[in-house]
Amino acid sequence: MSDLAVDPTADPAKIVSGLSTLSEREISDLLGGPAGEGVLDEIFRQMRDTFRPEQAQGENALVRFALTGGPGGSTRTYELRVVDGACTLATEPPAGSGTAPADRALTITTDRVRFVRVLTGQASGAKLFLTRKIKIDGDLKFGGKVMGWFGIKQDD
């Protein structure tokens, strides 16, 4: 990680704000290193905090993200639950936690780097889906619009 353009010991919020300026390799090095879990946790906190309820009016939904490519090949799971215009976050939810009623539920599975590149606008989610780099288990049409409900804070 000697060529990493970001200080992995920096505040995760600061790292997240600069993700769009990093190359794919830099993102991979960052997320695969000791700061990776903290950066992912911050991304999902920001997604929860920047939730756009006007985009999800009337939705009662569970959106699960299974992000592969962690240390030792691990997968980290996040759940964003949308109920009555509010969004809650669960990190590494226990088995069976997704069984609470939801009108719509889906699981998006991809590796950490592709997820960040889609979130920061560096890659097309649709193209990655068509090339099987992103998998969606659930309503595909719903899956296509759900990412518009969330964002992260980026430097301009």
C-alpha atoms as a PDB file:
ATOM      1  CA  MET A   1       0.000   0.000   0.000  1.00  0.00           C
ATOM      2  CA  SER A   2       2.969   2.294  -0.382  1.00  0.00           C
ATOM      3  CA  ASP A   3       1.387   4.005  -3.381  1.00  0.00           C
ATOM      4  CA  LEU A   4      -1.915   4.668  -1.602  1.00  0.00           C
ATOM      5  CA  ALA A   5      -2.915   8.287  -2.207  1.00  0.00           C
ATOM      6  CA  VAL A   6      -4.910   8.514   1.008  1.00  0.00           C
ATOM      7  CA  ASP A   7      -3.868   8.215   4.627  1.00  0.00           C
ATOM      8  CA  PRO A   8      -5.592   5.036   5.897  1.00  0.00           C
ATOM      9  CA  THR A   9      -5.321   6.365   9.457  1.00  0.00           C
ATOM     10  CA  ALA A  10      -7.397   9.456   8.597  1.00  0.00           C
ATOM     11  CA  ASP A  11     -10.961   9.948   9.786  1.00  0.00           C
ATOM     12  CA  PRO A  12     -13.189   7.594   7.721  1.00  0.00           C
ATOM     13  CA  ALA A  13     -15.545  10.489   6.866  1.00  0.00           C
ATOM     14  CA  LYS A  14     -12.631  12.369   5.293  1.00  0.00           C
ATOM     15  CA  ILE A  15     -11.582   9.274   3.364  1.00  0.00           C
ATOM     16  CA  VAL A  16     -15.132   8.707   2.096  1.00  0.00           C
ATOM     17  CA  SER A  17     -15.410  12.311   0.892  1.00  0.00           C
ATOM     18  CA  GLY A  18     -12.430  11.758  -1.406  1.00  0.00           C
ATOM     19  CA  LEU A  19     -13.285   8.306  -2.769  1.00  0.00           C
ATOM     20  CA  SER A  20     -14.307   9.613  -6.189  1.00  0.00           C
ATOM     21  CA  THR A  21     -10.744  10.843  -6.787  1.00  0.00           C
ATOM     22  CA  LEU A  22      -9.149   7.443  -6.155  1.00  0.00           C
ATOM     23  CA  SER A  23      -8.250   4.908  -8.824  1.00  0.00           C
ATOM     24  CA  GLU A  24      -9.663   1.394  -8.775  1.00  0.00           C
ATOM     25  CA  ARG A  25      -6.365   0.092  -7.402  1.00  0.00           C
ATOM     26  CA  GLU A  26      -6.280   2.721  -4.646  1.00  0.00           C
ATOM     27  CA  ILE A  27      -9.843   1.846  -3.652  1.00  0.00           C
ATOM     28  CA  SER A  28      -8.930  -1.847  -3.642  1.00  0.00           C
ATOM     29  CA  ASP A  29      -5.845  -1.250  -1.483  1.00  0.00           C
ATOM     30  CA  LEU A  30      -7.819   0.938   0.914  1.00  0.00           C
ATOM     31  CA  LEU A  31     -10.790  -1.418   1.322  1.00  0.00           C
ATOM     32  CA  GLY A  32      -8.567  -4.479   1.625  1.00  0.00           C
ATOM     33  CA  GLY A  33      -6.430  -2.881   4.316  1.00  0.00           C
ATOM     34  CA  PRO A  34      -6.927  -2.182   8.006  1.00  0.00           C
ATOM     35  CA  ALA A  35      -9.062   0.921   7.328  1.00  0.00           C
ATOM     36  CA  GLY A  36     -11.446  -0.905   4.969  1.00  0.00           C
ATOM     37  CA  GLU A  37     -14.118  -1.903   7.487  1.00  0.00           C
ATOM     38  CA  GLY A  38     -14.247   1.600   8.987  1.00  0.00           C
ATOM     39  CA  VAL A  39     -14.556   3.167   5.531  1.00  0.00           C
ATOM     40  CA  LEU A  40     -17.414   0.818   4.572  1.00  0.00           C
ATOM     41  CA  ASP A  41     -19.156   1.483   7.887  1.00  0.00           C
ATOM     42  CA  GLU A  42     -18.886   5.237   7.238  1.00  0.00           C
ATOM     43  CA  ILE A  43     -20.226   4.858   3.691  1.00  0.00           C
ATOM     44  CA  PHE A  44     -23.331   3.106   5.006  1.00  0.00           C
ATOM     45  CA  ARG A  45     -23.789   5.625   7.833  1.00  0.00           C
ATOM     46  CA  GLN A  46     -23.727   8.367   5.217  1.00  0.00           C
ATOM     47  CA  MET A  47     -26.128   6.433   2.998  1.00  0.00           C
ATOM     48  CA  ARG A  48     -28.529   6.195   5.951  1.00  0.00           C
ATOM     49  CA  ASP A  49     -28.037   9.864   6.859  1.00  0.00           C
ATOM     50  CA  THR A  50     -28.473  11.128   3.270  1.00  0.00           C
ATOM     51  CA  PHE A  51     -31.518   8.945   2.614  1.00  0.00           C
ATOM     52  CA  ARG A  52     -33.984  10.779   0.344  1.00  0.00           C
ATOM     53  CA  PRO A  53     -37.444   9.887   1.678  1.00  0.00           C
ATOM     54  CA  GLU A  54     -39.155  11.720  -1.187  1.00  0.00           C
ATOM     55  CA  GLN A  55     -37.624   9.146  -3.571  1.00  0.00           C
ATOM     56  CA  ALA A  56     -39.035   6.235  -1.554  1.00  0.00           C
ATOM     57  CA  GLN A  57     -42.520   7.496  -0.788  1.00  0.00           C
ATOM     58  CA  GLY A  58     -44.829   4.727   0.311  1.00  0.00           C
ATOM     59  CA  GLU A  59     -42.070   2.113   0.336  1.00  0.00           C
ATOM     60  CA  ASN A  60     -41.590  -0.461   3.071  1.00  0.00           C
ATOM     61  CA  ALA A  61     -38.336  -2.028   1.958  1.00  0.00           C
ATOM     62  CA  LEU A  62     -35.291  -3.969   3.043  1.00  0.00           C
ATOM     63  CA  VAL A  63     -32.156  -3.505   0.972  1.00  0.00           C
ATOM     64  CA  ARG A  64     -29.302  -5.850   1.859  1.00  0.00           C
ATOM     65  CA  PHE A  65     -25.789  -5.319   0.516  1.00  0.00           C
ATOM     66  CA  ALA A  66     -23.421  -8.309   0.615  1.00  0.00           C
ATOM     67  CA  LEU A  67     -19.959  -6.955  -0.152  1.00  0.00           C
ATOM     68  CA  THR A  68     -17.336  -9.526  -0.991  1.00  0.00           C
ATOM     69  CA  GLY A  69     -13.575  -9.097  -1.268  1.00  0.00           C
ATOM     70  CA  GLY A  70     -12.741  -8.392   2.345  1.00  0.00           C
ATOM     71  CA  PRO A  71      -9.655  -9.552   4.198  1.00  0.00           C
ATOM     72  CA  GLY A  72      -9.237 -13.302   3.752  1.00  0.00           C
ATOM     73  CA  GLY A  73     -12.054 -13.346   1.186  1.00  0.00           C
ATOM     74  CA  SER A  74     -14.653 -12.263   3.753  1.00  0.00           C
ATOM     75  CA  THR A  75     -18.074 -10.802   2.980  1.00  0.00           C
ATOM     76  CA  ARG A  76     -19.505  -7.903   4.992  1.00  0.00           C
ATOM     77  CA  THR A  77     -23.273  -7.394   5.032  1.00  0.00           C
ATOM     78  CA  TYR A  78     -25.261  -4.207   5.555  1.00  0.00           C
ATOM     79  CA  GLU A  79     -29.027  -3.755   5.696  1.00  0.00           C
ATOM     80  CA  LEU A  80     -30.857  -0.518   5.044  1.00  0.00           C
ATOM     81  CA  ARG A  81     -34.497  -0.759   6.078  1.00  0.00           C
ATOM     82  CA  VAL A  82     -36.949   1.872   4.871  1.00  0.00           C
ATOM     83  CA  VAL A  83     -40.235   2.177   6.763  1.00  0.00           C
ATOM     84  CA  ASP A  84     -42.593   5.180   6.838  1.00  0.00           C
ATOM     85  CA  GLY A  85     -40.022   7.533   5.296  1.00  0.00           C
ATOM     86  CA  ALA A  86     -37.266   6.622   7.765  1.00  0.00           C
ATOM     87  CA  CYS A  87     -34.120   4.627   7.104  1.00  0.00           C
ATOM     88  CA  THR A  88     -32.284   2.452   9.617  1.00  0.00           C
ATOM     89  CA  LEU A  89     -28.974   0.654   9.254  1.00  0.00           C
ATOM     90  CA  ALA A  90     -27.796  -2.728  10.510  1.00  0.00           C
ATOM     91  CA  THR A  91     -24.209  -3.864  10.057  1.00  0.00           C
ATOM     92  CA  GLU A  92     -23.525  -7.601  10.003  1.00  0.00           C
ATOM     93  CA  PRO A  93     -27.142  -8.333  10.991  1.00  0.00           C
ATOM     94  CA  PRO A  94     -27.726 -11.649  12.707  1.00  0.00           C
ATOM     95  CA  ALA A  95     -29.206 -14.477  10.665  1.00  0.00           C
ATOM     96  CA  GLY A  96     -32.946 -14.107  10.294  1.00  0.00           C
ATOM     97  CA  SER A  97     -32.990 -10.366  10.949  1.00  0.00           C
ATOM     98  CA  GLY A  98     -34.268  -9.724   7.439  1.00  0.00           C
ATOM     99  CA  THR A  99     -37.430 -11.671   8.092  1.00  0.00           C
ATOM    100  CA  ALA A 100     -39.381  -8.671   9.426  1.00  0.00           C
ATOM    101  CA  PRO A 101     -42.151  -7.791   6.991  1.00  0.00           C
ATOM    102  CA  ALA A 102     -41.137  -5.693   4.029  1.00  0.00           C
ATOM    103  CA  ASP A 103     -43.233  -5.073   0.943  1.00  0.00           C
ATOM    104  CA  ARG A 104     -40.049  -5.220  -1.086  1.00  0.00           C
ATOM    105  CA  ALA A 105     -36.764  -6.869  -0.279  1.00  0.00           C
ATOM    106  CA  LEU A 106     -33.668  -7.348  -2.301  1.00  0.00           C
ATOM    107  CA  THR A 107     -30.059  -8.318  -1.888  1.00  0.00           C
ATOM    108  CA  ILE A 108     -27.314  -6.672  -3.906  1.00  0.00           C
ATOM    109  CA  THR A 109     -24.125  -8.721  -4.025  1.00  0.00           C
ATOM    110  CA  THR A 110     -20.858  -7.389  -5.429  1.00  0.00           C
ATOM    111  CA  ASP A 111     -17.313  -6.801  -4.383  1.00  0.00           C
ATOM    112  CA  ARG A 112     -16.363  -3.792  -2.288  1.00  0.00           C
ATOM    113  CA  VAL A 113     -14.472  -2.002  -5.053  1.00  0.00           C
ATOM    114  CA  ARG A 114     -17.279  -2.232  -7.605  1.00  0.00           C
ATOM    115  CA  PHE A 115     -19.788  -1.069  -5.008  1.00  0.00           C
ATOM    116  CA  VAL A 116     -17.718   2.046  -4.236  1.00  0.00           C
ATOM    117  CA  ARG A 117     -17.102   2.770  -7.915  1.00  0.00           C
ATOM    118  CA  VAL A 118     -20.864   2.639  -8.646  1.00  0.00           C
ATOM    119  CA  LEU A 119     -21.676   4.751  -5.597  1.00  0.00           C
ATOM    120  CA  THR A 120     -19.153   7.442  -6.592  1.00  0.00           C
ATOM    121  CA  GLY A 121     -20.250   7.462 -10.243  1.00  0.00           C
ATOM    122  CA  GLN A 122     -17.039   5.874 -11.567  1.00  0.00           C
ATOM    123  CA  ALA A 123     -18.824   2.796 -12.924  1.00  0.00           C
ATOM    124  CA  SER A 124     -22.252   1.927 -14.283  1.00  0.00           C
ATOM    125  CA  GLY A 125     -24.322  -0.333 -12.065  1.00  0.00           C
ATOM    126  CA  ALA A 126     -26.382  -1.425 -15.068  1.00  0.00           C
ATOM    127  CA  LYS A 127     -23.294  -2.429 -17.039  1.00  0.00           C
ATOM    128  CA  LEU A 128     -21.860  -4.306 -14.064  1.00  0.00           C
ATOM    129  CA  PHE A 129     -25.189  -6.084 -13.614  1.00  0.00           C
ATOM    130  CA  LEU A 130     -25.279  -7.096 -17.281  1.00  0.00           C
ATOM    131  CA  THR A 131     -21.732  -8.468 -17.015  1.00  0.00           C
ATOM    132  CA  ARG A 132     -22.672 -10.325 -13.808  1.00  0.00           C
ATOM    133  CA  LYS A 133     -20.323  -8.287 -11.618  1.00  0.00           C
ATOM    134  CA  ILE A 134     -23.322  -7.181  -9.554  1.00  0.00           C
ATOM    135  CA  LYS A 135     -26.054  -9.638  -8.626  1.00  0.00           C
ATOM    136  CA  ILE A 136     -29.519  -8.611  -7.538  1.00  0.00           C
ATOM    137  CA  ASP A 137     -31.769 -11.076  -5.764  1.00  0.00           C
ATOM    138  CA  GLY A 138     -35.266  -9.624  -5.838  1.00  0.00           C
ATOM    139  CA  ASP A 139     -37.244  -7.250  -8.046  1.00  0.00           C
ATOM    140  CA  LEU A 140     -34.805  -6.001 -10.699  1.00  0.00           C
ATOM    141  CA  LYS A 141     -36.797  -2.892 -11.560  1.00  0.00           C
ATOM    142  CA  PHE A 142     -36.913  -1.969  -7.879  1.00  0.00           C
ATOM    143  CA  GLY A 143     -33.185  -2.700  -7.581  1.00  0.00           C
ATOM    144  CA  GLY A 144     -32.470  -0.267 -10.387  1.00  0.00           C
ATOM    145  CA  LYS A 145     -34.102   2.654  -8.614  1.00  0.00           C
ATOM    146  CA  VAL A 146     -33.142   1.985  -5.006  1.00  0.00           C
ATOM    147  CA  MET A 147     -29.597   3.375  -5.279  1.00  0.00           C
ATOM    148  CA  GLY A 148     -31.112   6.771  -6.064  1.00  0.00           C
ATOM    149  CA  TRP A 149     -32.472   6.860  -2.522  1.00  0.00           C
ATOM    150  CA  PHE A 150     -29.020   7.161  -0.965  1.00  0.00           C
ATOM    151  CA  GLY A 151     -25.798   9.099  -1.393  1.00  0.00           C
ATOM    152  CA  ILE A 152     -22.486   9.898   0.203  1.00  0.00           C
ATOM    153  CA  LYS A 153     -20.821  13.231   0.790  1.00  0.00           C
ATOM    154  CA  GLN A 154     -18.137  13.896  -1.830  1.00  0.00           C
ATOM    155  CA  ASP A 155     -15.623  16.705  -2.181  1.00  0.00           C
ATOM    156  CA  ASP A 156     -16.518  18.978  -5.086  1.00  0.00           C
END
